[in-house]
Structure formats: C-alpha cells, structure tokens
Amino acid sequence: MPDPNPDADALIRRSFVSAGVSIAEAGDPNRPKRALGFRDLVLFYVVTGISLRWIATAAAAGPSSIVIWIGAWFCFYTPLALSVLELSSRYPAEGGLYVWSKRAFGDFSGFMSAWTYWTSNLPYFPAVLYFAASNVLFIRQTAWAHLSNNATFYIVFSLLTLGVATLMNIVGLDVGKWLHNVGALAMWIPVAILVVMGLIAWHRYGSATSFTLHSMTPSTHFNDIIFWSVLTFAFGGCETASFMGEEIKNPRRSIPFALLVGGVTVTLCYILGTAALLLALPSSEVSNLQGLVQAISKTASRVGFPGVLPVAAFLIALSNIGAAGAYLAAVARLPFVAGIDRFLPAVFGALHPRWKTPWVALLTQFVLGAVFIFLGQAGTSVKGAYDVLVSMGIITYFIPYLYLFAAMIKLQGEPAGPEVIRVRGGRAVAKLVAALGFVTTTLTIVLSLVPQPDEPNKPLALLKVVGGTGALLLFGMWLYVTGKRRAAKIF
C-alpha cells in the first residue's frame, strides 16, 4: 500500500535526524552505504593524520623539535584522540563533530562547528596539491625542472587530481577509499626510507646533529613559542573519519582500535622522521621551505643512494593526492548533514540515486577548491589575499576543536551505555583531559594571530586575519538564520 502521507513520514525521519539520532536509526533507506572496514579506517587515519612537510619544518628547528613533538602529542593529540574515541562511541552518527556539538549545545553550535571546519579546509586543497605537484618534478629532476615556476602546470595538475578524487568519491566511498588507502601507504614509506638512510648515515659518519640536554631544550623566546603551535597544528585530523560514521562498518568497534593504531603510526612517523633527518643532516642544511623531498635528496647523496629520490618524490606526491581525496570525502559530510537538517538548502542533503553518495556537497567542494587553486596562482595582490585566507584557515580550523572539547566536557553528564568506550578514571579525568585540549587549542589560536617576524605591516596583517575570520563567522551565522527560517516554513 502506498504511504497515505509521505510528507509526514519524511518529517518524522528528519525530526529524528535533527535530534542527533543517526540516519540509520531514523529508518531512512536512502542512506550512504557502509564501505569502510577496519583496515580502511586505519589507513584513513594515517593519510589524514600525517603531513610529510612538517617533518622537514621540525628538523629545520633543530633537535628541540623532538621534545616539542612529544609535548604537542601529550597536550593536544592525546586529549583529541581520547575525546574522539569516547564521543564517536557514544554517538557514531554521520557528521561526527557536527552531531556532538549539536547534542551538547544546540543547533547553532552544531552548524557553526561544521561551518568553520568546512571553510577552513578550502585553502587546504590548493596547498596540498601544489605541494604534490612540486614533488612530481623531482621524479625527473633535470627534464622537468623548468616547470617549477610554471603556473599553468600547477593549475592543470591540481585541477586534474582534484577532479579525479572528486569523481572517485562520487562513484562511492568503496571506490574512493582506494585512493585514500594507496595514499596512506605512500605516506609512511618515504618516512621509512628516511629512517633507514638516517641510520646508515649515523653508522658511517656519526650523528650530524648533537643531541644533548641543552640542544633538545625548547627555547622560550616568543618566536619559538609560535613554532610550537605549528607542530600542534600538524597533529590535527584524527576526528575526520567520524564525519562518515554511517559509512563505517561497526563504527563503535572499528573507530577506537583504528584510532589507536593510526595514532601510534602518525606519532612515530613525525618523531622518528625528524630524528632520522637530524642524524643525517645538520639542521642548518634542512629548509622548511624546500620540504622533505629535498632533504631526502641531500641524505641520499650523502649515503650514496641517489636512485631513491625519484621513488620518494613519486610516493610523497601520491600521498598528498590521497590526503586531498580523504579530506574531500570526509569534509563533504558536513554540508551533507547540514542539508538534511535544512540549515543549508535541502539539495546538499541529497544522495546520488545510484551511488548513494552526497554528490552535491562533493561537487560544491570541487568547484570551490578549483576557485582557490586559481587564487593560489593569481597576481600579487590576490596572492596576498590568498595568504590571508590561509592564515584564516588555521584559526578557523581550531575553532571546531573548541566545540569538540567543550562538548566532551558537557556530555559527561549524559548516561553512557556499556558499548561506550570511556576515558579511564571516570568523568573527572575525562573533563580534565578535555580541558587540557581546550586550553592548548585556545593558546594555538592566540599564537596563530601573531604576524610572522618578516611581515612589514604587522597591525594591518592582524586586522586582515581577524577581520576576515570575523566576516567568515558572520556569514556562517547568516546562513544558519536563513536555514532556520527555511526549515520553519517547510515544517
């Protein structure tokens, strides 16, 4: 028998979703397919958790960066991972951060946490794809060196790779995940190569860097403290898989163990990679601007393995393409769930009729990503605007973490079933862990506001970043109010 009142049925389903219940529990048959297994999830955490460029950045700062890595891991990554672990086992629904913030503080907070996270990732796509393109040139360094300043090459490469990643994710997460998985494998292999070469250089010539108590003690000068926030930024990403909670097979079991394995891999890659690079080269010969591939090139020349460079360059490029595809897939779920809740136009909550993927949200990200790709290679004035957008991206990237840690504290008051994985020590310890993460995130935001030392007009730079971030938040508020009115008219 046909449903006599399909609109009412749809309203009931949407009201369940709006209450923070998962799409599956709401009984909607038109939902994404569960495509990510445990192995896929581990590799997803690796590809979104590691950014290889930070290894060279850390090594350029000297051996004290290893201590800073450990401090960032303890003060930020550990609270983040523990909070994600508990919240995703409490509420394993599509949207992750959006659902948790909404559950704790209401619709507005849920929308704003998703809005700031989503917009902060838009400058990420050109940045990571330009980095991939620059590494491709090292595959045939002599023949392709002339392309290093060719804007057309960077634009075409970035558009093609972003297009392929978008298409794979639209066809289905069961297809798109292979790009993420291959990218994850390509992410840690260059680190393994670097570690092996670093040990060989140490065995043959001794350590190129003096590891003493003095050299490993982090400087407390203000400019050096700003650097601490950079390495804290590098540990972000372990929350992304939870955005796809409805597309993970048995999320309450898979996410915690995958997060543990992925977290150990990410931490070891950063610390061991930095230490190995400093064993092979003094920090003065490592440039955070040149990146990991040139550090590998110098190390390979020193130990007599020049043939390693093209392989490492290819893998680094592939890993960054995989990371772009993974973030594209995860972050698109935020406008998708906002579309389901009618805070964005309903078309954002639509699934592809054949592949059951949020195709409108994915295509929207492709279009906006393409705009930012062109901005990244535009004229000087627009390039300056793009740099401001990147600075804004860092700040807006950390605002959602404030919501996440605050939600972790607030939701301790809700009852937890036996399937929930709690922080050991009970509510008091869980709140303390989340508070540590909240304070670290706040300090990182404050430090990110400080202009770079070589900035000629620091007050103007600060005004641009603060003003731009404020404008972005106000625009998000306007979208929320508009969406709220739209939903009220429909219901």
Protein backbone atom coordinates (compact mmCIF):
# COMPACT_ATOMS: atom_id res chain seq x y z
CA MET A 1 0.00 0.00 0.00
CA PRO A 2 1.33 3.48 -0.78
CA ASP A 3 2.01 5.77 2.15
CA PRO A 4 -1.08 8.00 2.59
CA ASN A 5 1.03 10.80 3.99
CA PRO A 6 4.60 10.65 2.65
CA ASP A 7 5.35 14.23 3.69
CA ALA A 8 4.56 13.42 7.30
CA ASP A 9 6.77 10.35 7.12
CA ALA A 10 9.61 12.44 5.76
CA LEU A 11 9.07 14.95 8.55
CA ILE A 12 9.33 12.20 11.17
CA ARG A 13 12.56 10.94 9.65
CA ARG A 14 14.05 14.43 9.53
CA SER A 15 13.00 15.15 13.11
CA PHE A 16 14.84 12.05 14.25
CA VAL A 17 17.96 13.21 12.45
CA SER A 18 17.61 16.69 13.91
CA ALA A 19 17.57 15.19 17.40
CA GLY A 20 21.04 13.79 16.84
CA VAL A 21 19.93 10.25 16.00
CA SER A 22 21.80 8.56 13.18
CA ILE A 23 20.41 8.30 9.67
CA ALA A 24 20.29 4.53 10.05
CA GLU A 25 18.31 4.73 13.31
CA ALA A 26 15.92 7.19 11.69
CA GLY A 27 14.88 4.42 9.35
CA ASP A 28 15.79 6.19 6.12
CA PRO A 29 16.56 3.57 3.46
CA ASN A 30 18.11 6.21 1.21
CA ARG A 31 21.35 6.48 3.17
CA PRO A 32 25.05 6.07 2.38
CA LYS A 33 26.50 2.58 2.14
CA ARG A 34 28.80 1.25 4.85
CA ALA A 35 32.05 0.97 2.90
CA LEU A 36 34.93 1.48 5.37
CA GLY A 37 36.27 -1.54 7.23
CA PHE A 38 38.92 -1.61 9.96
CA ARG A 39 41.88 -1.64 7.54
CA ASP A 40 40.42 1.22 5.51
CA LEU A 41 39.87 3.20 8.68
CA VAL A 42 43.46 2.74 9.92
CA LEU A 43 44.80 3.91 6.57
CA PHE A 44 42.36 6.83 6.56
CA TYR A 45 43.70 7.98 9.94
CA VAL A 46 47.25 7.71 8.59
CA VAL A 47 46.62 9.67 5.37
CA THR A 48 44.70 12.45 7.17
CA GLY A 49 46.94 12.50 10.24
CA ILE A 50 50.39 12.81 8.65
CA SER A 51 51.60 15.76 6.60
CA LEU A 52 55.14 14.99 5.49
CA ARG A 53 56.15 18.64 5.09
CA TRP A 54 56.08 19.10 8.87
CA ILE A 55 58.99 16.66 9.28
CA ALA A 56 61.34 19.00 7.40
CA THR A 57 59.84 22.01 9.21
CA ALA A 58 60.55 20.38 12.57
CA ALA A 59 64.06 19.25 11.62
CA ALA A 60 64.96 22.77 10.45
CA ALA A 61 64.27 23.97 14.01
CA GLY A 62 66.83 21.54 15.45
CA PRO A 63 66.69 18.66 17.96
CA SER A 64 64.48 20.58 20.41
CA SER A 65 61.62 19.98 17.95
CA ILE A 66 61.53 16.34 19.07
CA VAL A 67 60.61 17.47 22.58
CA ILE A 68 58.01 19.84 21.10
CA TRP A 69 56.57 16.92 19.10
CA ILE A 70 56.16 14.98 22.33
CA GLY A 71 54.61 18.00 24.06
CA ALA A 72 52.14 18.58 21.21
CA TRP A 73 51.25 14.90 21.26
CA PHE A 74 50.60 14.97 25.01
CA CYS A 75 48.81 18.33 25.24
CA PHE A 76 46.77 18.20 22.04
CA TYR A 77 46.74 14.88 20.18
CA THR A 78 46.13 12.68 23.23
CA PRO A 79 43.15 14.75 24.50
CA LEU A 80 41.81 14.94 20.95
CA ALA A 81 42.11 11.20 20.32
CA LEU A 82 40.56 10.30 23.69
CA SER A 83 37.70 12.73 23.13
CA VAL A 84 37.04 11.46 19.61
CA LEU A 85 37.21 7.89 20.86
CA GLU A 86 34.56 8.44 23.54
CA LEU A 87 32.29 10.76 21.54
CA SER A 88 32.31 8.55 18.44
CA SER A 89 31.42 5.51 20.56
CA ARG A 90 28.64 7.48 22.28
CA TYR A 91 27.19 8.94 19.06
CA PRO A 92 28.52 7.10 15.98
CA ALA A 93 26.36 9.11 13.57
CA GLU A 94 27.07 10.75 10.22
CA GLY A 95 28.57 14.19 10.80
CA GLY A 96 30.72 13.44 13.85
CA LEU A 97 31.75 16.84 15.20
CA TYR A 98 28.51 18.40 13.93
CA VAL A 99 26.40 15.87 15.86
CA TRP A 100 28.46 16.13 19.06
CA SER A 101 28.41 19.94 19.16
CA LYS A 102 24.72 19.98 18.36
CA ARG A 103 23.93 17.42 21.02
CA ALA A 104 25.85 19.38 23.65
CA PHE A 105 24.97 22.98 22.80
CA GLY A 106 22.12 23.00 20.25
CA ASP A 107 21.59 23.64 16.55
CA PHE A 108 23.58 26.87 16.29
CA SER A 109 26.75 25.39 17.79
CA GLY A 110 26.43 22.29 15.64
CA PHE A 111 26.15 24.37 12.48
CA MET A 112 28.97 26.78 13.36
CA SER A 113 31.37 23.97 14.29
CA ALA A 114 30.69 22.36 10.90
CA TRP A 115 30.83 25.67 9.04
CA THR A 116 34.21 26.70 10.45
CA TYR A 117 35.70 23.24 9.91
CA TRP A 118 34.42 23.06 6.33
CA THR A 119 35.59 26.54 5.30
CA SER A 120 38.99 26.10 6.96
CA ASN A 121 39.69 23.19 4.62
CA LEU A 122 39.04 25.10 1.38
CA PRO A 123 42.59 26.61 1.23
CA TYR A 124 43.93 23.15 2.12
CA PHE A 125 43.25 21.67 -1.32
CA PRO A 126 45.45 24.02 -3.40
CA ALA A 127 48.17 23.93 -0.73
CA VAL A 128 48.42 20.14 -0.63
CA LEU A 129 48.06 19.72 -4.41
CA TYR A 130 50.69 22.38 -5.18
CA PHE A 131 52.97 20.51 -2.78
CA ALA A 132 52.24 17.27 -4.65
CA ALA A 133 52.95 18.97 -7.99
CA SER A 134 56.28 20.33 -6.77
CA ASN A 135 57.31 16.82 -5.71
CA VAL A 136 56.38 15.34 -9.08
CA LEU A 137 59.11 17.47 -10.66
CA PHE A 138 61.75 15.54 -8.69
CA ILE A 139 60.79 12.29 -10.43
CA ARG A 140 62.72 13.59 -13.46
CA GLN A 141 64.52 16.50 -11.89
CA THR A 142 66.66 17.52 -14.87
CA ALA A 143 63.98 17.19 -17.55
CA TRP A 144 61.12 18.79 -15.60
CA ALA A 145 62.96 21.46 -13.61
CA HIS A 146 61.76 24.20 -15.99
CA LEU A 147 58.18 23.64 -14.77
CA SER A 148 58.97 24.71 -11.22
CA ASN A 149 57.81 28.28 -11.93
CA ASN A 150 55.15 27.38 -14.49
CA ALA A 151 51.76 28.46 -13.14
CA THR A 152 49.88 26.54 -15.85
CA PHE A 153 51.49 23.26 -14.74
CA TYR A 154 50.42 23.75 -11.12
CA ILE A 155 46.87 24.74 -12.07
CA VAL A 156 46.34 21.88 -14.54
CA PHE A 157 47.89 19.29 -12.22
CA SER A 158 45.81 20.44 -9.25
CA LEU A 159 42.54 20.60 -11.22
CA LEU A 160 43.06 17.14 -12.74
CA THR A 161 43.94 15.44 -9.45
CA LEU A 162 41.13 17.19 -7.56
CA GLY A 163 38.72 16.20 -10.34
CA VAL A 164 39.77 12.55 -10.23
CA ALA A 165 39.48 12.47 -6.43
CA THR A 166 36.02 14.05 -6.60
CA LEU A 167 34.81 11.61 -9.25
CA MET A 168 36.08 8.59 -7.30
CA ASN A 169 34.28 9.77 -4.16
CA ILE A 170 31.05 10.47 -6.05
CA VAL A 171 31.07 6.98 -7.55
CA GLY A 172 31.27 5.67 -4.00
CA LEU A 173 33.36 5.58 -0.85
CA ASP A 174 34.04 1.93 -1.64
CA VAL A 175 35.86 3.26 -4.76
CA GLY A 176 37.26 6.48 -3.32
CA LYS A 177 38.76 4.66 -0.34
CA TRP A 178 41.35 3.04 -2.60
CA LEU A 179 42.85 6.44 -3.33
CA HIS A 180 42.97 7.11 0.43
CA ASN A 181 44.48 3.68 1.13
CA VAL A 182 47.18 3.98 -1.53
CA GLY A 183 47.92 7.50 -0.30
CA ALA A 184 48.36 6.21 3.26
CA LEU A 185 50.84 3.54 2.15
CA ALA A 186 52.69 6.16 0.12
CA MET A 187 52.71 8.40 3.21
CA TRP A 188 54.75 6.22 5.55
CA ILE A 189 57.11 4.59 3.02
CA PRO A 190 59.13 7.82 2.46
CA VAL A 191 59.42 8.13 6.24
CA ALA A 192 60.72 4.54 6.39
CA ILE A 193 63.22 5.36 3.62
CA LEU A 194 64.35 8.43 5.53
CA VAL A 195 64.75 6.48 8.78
CA VAL A 196 66.85 3.78 7.06
CA MET A 197 69.09 6.35 5.35
CA GLY A 198 69.43 8.30 8.59
CA LEU A 199 70.60 5.19 10.43
CA ILE A 200 73.05 4.38 7.61
CA ALA A 201 74.47 7.92 7.74
CA TRP A 202 74.76 7.70 11.53
CA HIS A 203 76.54 4.32 11.29
CA ARG A 204 79.01 5.54 8.67
CA TYR A 205 79.71 9.09 9.74
CA GLY A 206 78.20 9.56 13.18
CA SER A 207 75.33 11.88 14.01
CA ALA A 208 75.21 15.14 12.03
CA THR A 209 73.41 16.76 14.97
CA SER A 210 74.42 16.96 18.61
CA PHE A 211 71.63 15.55 20.79
CA THR A 212 72.35 17.00 24.21
CA LEU A 213 70.16 18.23 27.06
CA HIS A 214 70.93 21.81 26.04
CA SER A 215 70.21 21.35 22.32
CA MET A 216 66.99 19.45 22.99
CA THR A 217 65.60 22.03 25.44
CA PRO A 218 62.97 24.12 23.60
CA SER A 219 63.60 27.85 23.52
CA THR A 220 61.08 30.04 25.34
CA HIS A 221 61.60 33.06 23.08
CA PHE A 222 58.28 34.31 21.74
CA ASN A 223 59.03 33.48 18.09
CA ASP A 224 59.99 29.96 19.11
CA ILE A 225 56.78 29.54 21.11
CA ILE A 226 54.85 30.44 17.96
CA PHE A 227 56.60 27.48 16.31
CA TRP A 228 55.11 25.20 18.97
CA SER A 229 51.65 25.99 17.58
CA VAL A 230 52.79 24.86 14.11
CA LEU A 231 53.61 21.37 15.34
CA THR A 232 50.36 21.30 17.31
CA PHE A 233 48.56 22.08 14.04
CA ALA A 234 50.31 19.07 12.45
CA PHE A 235 48.54 16.67 14.85
CA GLY A 236 45.02 17.62 13.72
CA GLY A 237 42.95 15.21 11.66
CA CYS A 238 42.00 12.22 13.81
CA GLU A 239 38.41 13.48 14.03
CA THR A 240 37.75 13.33 10.27
CA ALA A 241 36.76 9.66 9.94
CA SER A 242 33.95 10.17 12.45
CA PHE A 243 32.30 12.55 9.97
CA MET A 244 31.47 9.39 7.99
CA GLY A 245 30.09 7.44 10.96
CA GLU A 246 27.19 5.95 8.95
CA GLU A 247 29.61 4.68 6.29
CA ILE A 248 31.89 2.76 8.67
CA LYS A 249 31.29 -0.92 9.29
CA ASN A 250 30.62 -1.45 13.01
CA PRO A 251 31.88 2.05 13.97
CA ARG A 252 31.74 1.50 17.74
CA ARG A 253 34.31 -1.28 17.43
CA SER A 254 36.28 -0.12 14.39
CA ILE A 255 36.93 3.54 15.26
CA PRO A 256 38.61 3.05 18.68
CA PHE A 257 41.08 0.38 17.56
CA ALA A 258 41.77 2.05 14.21
CA LEU A 259 42.34 5.34 16.03
CA LEU A 260 44.84 3.67 18.35
CA VAL A 261 46.82 2.04 15.51
CA GLY A 262 46.64 5.13 13.32
CA GLY A 263 47.63 7.43 16.19
CA VAL A 264 50.72 5.40 17.03
CA THR A 265 51.72 5.40 13.35
CA VAL A 266 51.26 9.16 13.00
CA THR A 267 53.25 9.95 16.15
CA LEU A 268 56.12 7.61 15.31
CA CYS A 269 56.35 8.93 11.74
CA TYR A 270 56.71 12.51 12.96
CA ILE A 271 59.21 11.81 15.75
CA LEU A 272 61.30 9.12 14.02
CA GLY A 273 61.29 11.01 10.71
CA THR A 274 62.56 14.19 12.39
CA ALA A 275 65.20 12.34 14.40
CA ALA A 276 66.43 10.40 11.34
CA LEU A 277 66.73 13.59 9.29
CA LEU A 278 68.79 15.23 12.03
CA LEU A 279 71.02 12.15 12.23
CA ALA A 280 71.80 12.51 8.51
CA LEU A 281 71.93 16.31 8.17
CA PRO A 282 72.57 19.28 10.45
CA SER A 283 69.51 21.46 10.94
CA SER A 284 71.22 24.31 9.05
CA GLU A 285 71.05 22.20 5.86
CA VAL A 286 67.34 21.46 6.22
CA SER A 287 64.91 24.04 4.89
CA ASN A 288 61.29 24.08 5.94
CA LEU A 289 60.54 25.83 2.66
CA GLN A 290 62.22 23.25 0.44
CA GLY A 291 60.37 20.36 2.06
CA LEU A 292 61.05 16.74 2.72
CA VAL A 293 61.92 15.68 -0.81
CA GLN A 294 64.99 17.91 -0.97
CA ALA A 295 66.07 16.73 2.47
CA ILE A 296 65.80 13.17 1.17
CA SER A 297 67.79 14.23 -1.90
CA LYS A 298 70.65 15.55 0.25
CA THR A 299 70.56 12.50 2.51
CA ALA A 300 70.52 10.11 -0.46
CA SER A 301 73.55 11.86 -1.97
CA ARG A 302 75.40 11.63 1.32
CA VAL A 303 74.85 7.89 1.77
CA GLY A 304 75.23 7.06 -1.93
CA PHE A 305 71.61 6.13 -2.82
CA PRO A 306 70.66 8.72 -5.49
CA GLY A 307 68.17 6.31 -7.08
CA VAL A 308 65.93 6.67 -4.04
CA LEU A 309 64.95 10.26 -4.91
CA PRO A 310 62.54 9.61 -7.84
CA VAL A 311 60.78 6.87 -5.86
CA ALA A 312 60.45 9.04 -2.77
CA ALA A 313 59.25 12.02 -4.83
CA PHE A 314 56.56 9.90 -6.50
CA LEU A 315 55.37 8.49 -3.18
CA ILE A 316 55.26 11.90 -1.49
CA ALA A 317 53.21 13.30 -4.39
CA LEU A 318 50.87 10.29 -4.31
CA SER A 319 50.43 10.53 -0.55
CA ASN A 320 49.34 14.15 -0.80
CA ILE A 321 46.86 13.37 -3.57
CA GLY A 322 45.46 10.62 -1.34
CA ALA A 323 45.22 13.07 1.58
CA ALA A 324 43.33 15.57 -0.58
CA GLY A 325 40.89 12.81 -1.60
CA ALA A 326 40.40 11.72 2.01
CA TYR A 327 39.68 15.23 3.29
CA LEU A 328 37.42 15.84 0.31
CA ALA A 329 35.37 12.77 1.25
CA ALA A 330 35.19 13.46 4.99
CA VAL A 331 34.56 17.20 4.97
CA ALA A 332 31.78 16.90 2.36
CA ARG A 333 29.73 15.06 5.01
CA LEU A 334 29.38 18.29 6.99
CA PRO A 335 27.30 20.24 4.42
CA PHE A 336 25.53 16.93 3.73
CA VAL A 337 24.18 16.57 7.28
CA ALA A 338 23.52 20.34 7.46
CA GLY A 339 21.44 19.91 4.30
CA ILE A 340 19.50 17.06 5.91
CA ASP A 341 18.73 19.35 8.85
CA ARG A 342 17.74 22.12 6.39
CA PHE A 343 20.32 24.60 7.71
CA LEU A 344 21.65 24.56 4.14
CA PRO A 345 19.44 24.10 1.05
CA ALA A 346 17.98 20.58 1.01
CA VAL A 347 19.89 19.70 -2.15
CA PHE A 348 23.07 19.43 -0.03
CA GLY A 349 21.42 16.55 1.86
CA ALA A 350 20.66 14.67 -1.35
CA LEU A 351 22.31 11.35 -2.15
CA HIS A 352 23.17 10.23 -5.66
CA PRO A 353 20.32 7.93 -6.78
CA ARG A 354 22.73 5.20 -7.89
CA TRP A 355 25.86 5.52 -5.77
CA LYS A 356 24.28 6.81 -2.51
CA THR A 357 26.93 9.49 -2.03
CA PRO A 358 26.49 13.21 -1.13
CA TRP A 359 27.29 14.23 -4.69
CA VAL A 360 26.08 17.84 -4.45
CA ALA A 361 28.30 18.51 -1.42
CA LEU A 362 31.26 16.85 -3.17
CA LEU A 363 30.75 18.82 -6.40
CA THR A 364 30.42 22.05 -4.42
CA GLN A 365 33.76 21.37 -2.75
CA PHE A 366 35.33 20.67 -6.15
CA VAL A 367 34.09 23.99 -7.55
CA LEU A 368 35.26 25.99 -4.52
CA GLY A 369 38.54 24.06 -4.45
CA ALA A 370 39.07 24.99 -8.11
CA VAL A 371 38.48 28.66 -7.27
CA PHE A 372 41.14 28.51 -4.57
CA ILE A 373 43.52 26.74 -6.97
CA PHE A 374 43.29 29.70 -9.35
CA LEU A 375 43.66 32.16 -6.46
CA GLY A 376 46.87 30.43 -5.44
CA GLN A 377 48.48 31.26 -8.80
CA ALA A 378 46.92 34.67 -9.32
CA GLY A 379 48.58 38.09 -9.36
CA THR A 380 50.45 39.61 -6.46
CA SER A 381 47.51 41.39 -4.83
CA VAL A 382 45.25 38.34 -5.00
CA LYS A 383 48.12 36.13 -3.87
CA GLY A 384 48.41 38.33 -0.80
CA ALA A 385 44.70 37.84 -0.18
CA TYR A 386 45.21 34.10 -0.55
CA ASP A 387 47.94 34.17 2.12
CA VAL A 388 45.49 35.89 4.47
CA LEU A 389 42.92 33.18 3.70
CA VAL A 390 45.47 30.53 4.66
CA SER A 391 46.09 32.28 7.99
CA MET A 392 42.33 32.49 8.50
CA GLY A 393 42.15 28.78 7.70
CA ILE A 394 44.49 27.93 10.57
CA ILE A 395 42.37 29.89 13.06
CA THR A 396 39.02 28.60 11.80
CA TYR A 397 40.47 25.08 11.74
CA PHE A 398 40.97 25.22 15.51
CA ILE A 399 37.62 26.81 16.39
CA PRO A 400 35.79 23.47 15.87
CA TYR A 401 38.21 21.85 18.34
CA LEU A 402 36.98 24.27 20.98
CA TYR A 403 33.47 22.94 20.32
CA LEU A 404 34.73 19.35 20.38
CA PHE A 405 36.50 19.61 23.74
CA ALA A 406 33.66 21.65 25.26
CA ALA A 407 31.16 19.01 24.05
CA MET A 408 33.31 16.30 25.63
CA ILE A 409 33.03 18.11 28.98
CA LYS A 410 29.30 18.87 28.66
CA LEU A 411 28.25 15.40 27.52
CA GLN A 412 29.85 13.72 30.52
CA GLY A 413 26.54 14.45 32.23
CA GLU A 414 24.67 12.13 29.85
CA PRO A 415 24.36 8.43 30.68
CA ALA A 416 26.70 6.12 28.78
CA GLY A 417 25.75 2.60 27.75
CA PRO A 418 28.03 -0.43 28.08
CA GLU A 419 29.14 -0.04 24.45
CA VAL A 420 30.66 3.39 25.11
CA ILE A 421 34.44 3.49 25.48
CA ARG A 422 35.11 5.87 28.36
CA VAL A 423 38.28 7.67 29.37
CA ARG A 424 39.83 5.70 32.22
CA GLY A 425 39.30 7.38 35.57
CA GLY A 426 35.69 8.42 35.08
CA ARG A 427 34.08 11.79 34.47
CA ALA A 428 36.62 13.83 36.44
CA VAL A 429 39.57 12.54 34.39
CA ALA A 430 37.61 12.88 31.12
CA LYS A 431 36.84 16.52 31.92
CA LEU A 432 40.47 17.17 32.86
CA VAL A 433 41.70 15.64 29.59
CA ALA A 434 39.21 17.69 27.55
CA ALA A 435 40.12 20.85 29.49
CA LEU A 436 43.81 20.32 28.61
CA GLY A 437 42.87 20.03 24.95
CA PHE A 438 40.66 23.14 25.18
CA VAL A 439 43.44 25.25 26.75
CA THR A 440 46.03 24.02 24.21
CA THR A 441 43.64 24.83 21.34
CA THR A 442 42.96 28.31 22.73
CA LEU A 443 46.69 29.07 23.03
CA THR A 444 47.27 27.80 19.49
CA ILE A 445 44.59 30.18 18.16
CA VAL A 446 46.13 33.10 20.05
CA LEU A 447 49.62 32.32 18.74
CA SER A 448 48.26 31.97 15.20
CA LEU A 449 47.09 35.59 15.38
CA VAL A 450 50.67 36.83 15.75
CA PRO A 451 52.05 38.01 12.35
CA GLN A 452 55.24 36.48 11.02
CA PRO A 453 58.50 38.24 12.04
CA ASP A 454 59.20 39.30 8.42
CA GLU A 455 55.72 40.85 7.98
CA PRO A 456 56.31 44.57 7.12
CA ASN A 457 52.94 45.81 8.40
CA LYS A 458 52.01 43.68 11.38
CA PRO A 459 48.93 45.68 12.56
CA LEU A 460 47.41 45.55 9.07
CA ALA A 461 48.14 41.82 8.75
CA LEU A 462 46.49 41.18 12.11
CA LEU A 463 43.48 43.29 11.12
CA LYS A 464 43.07 41.34 7.88
CA VAL A 465 43.16 37.97 9.61
CA VAL A 466 40.86 38.97 12.49
CA GLY A 467 38.53 40.87 10.19
CA GLY A 468 38.43 38.09 7.63
CA THR A 469 37.78 35.45 10.28
CA GLY A 470 35.04 37.62 11.78
CA ALA A 471 33.43 38.09 8.37
CA LEU A 472 33.52 34.34 7.80
CA LEU A 473 31.81 33.71 11.14
CA LEU A 474 29.16 36.35 10.45
CA PHE A 475 28.44 34.80 7.06
CA GLY A 476 28.03 31.43 8.74
CA MET A 477 25.61 32.96 11.24
CA TRP A 478 23.61 34.47 8.36
CA LEU A 479 23.43 31.07 6.64
CA TYR A 480 22.22 29.50 9.88
CA VAL A 481 19.47 32.09 10.43
CA THR A 482 18.38 31.78 6.80
CA GLY A 483 18.33 27.99 7.03
CA LYS A 484 16.39 28.09 10.28
CA ARG A 485 13.72 30.26 8.68
CA ARG A 486 13.62 27.96 5.64
CA ALA A 487 13.13 24.90 7.83
CA ALA A 488 10.38 26.64 9.82
CA LYS A 489 8.46 27.40 6.61
CA ILE A 490 8.73 23.77 5.45
CA PHE A 491 7.64 22.27 8.74
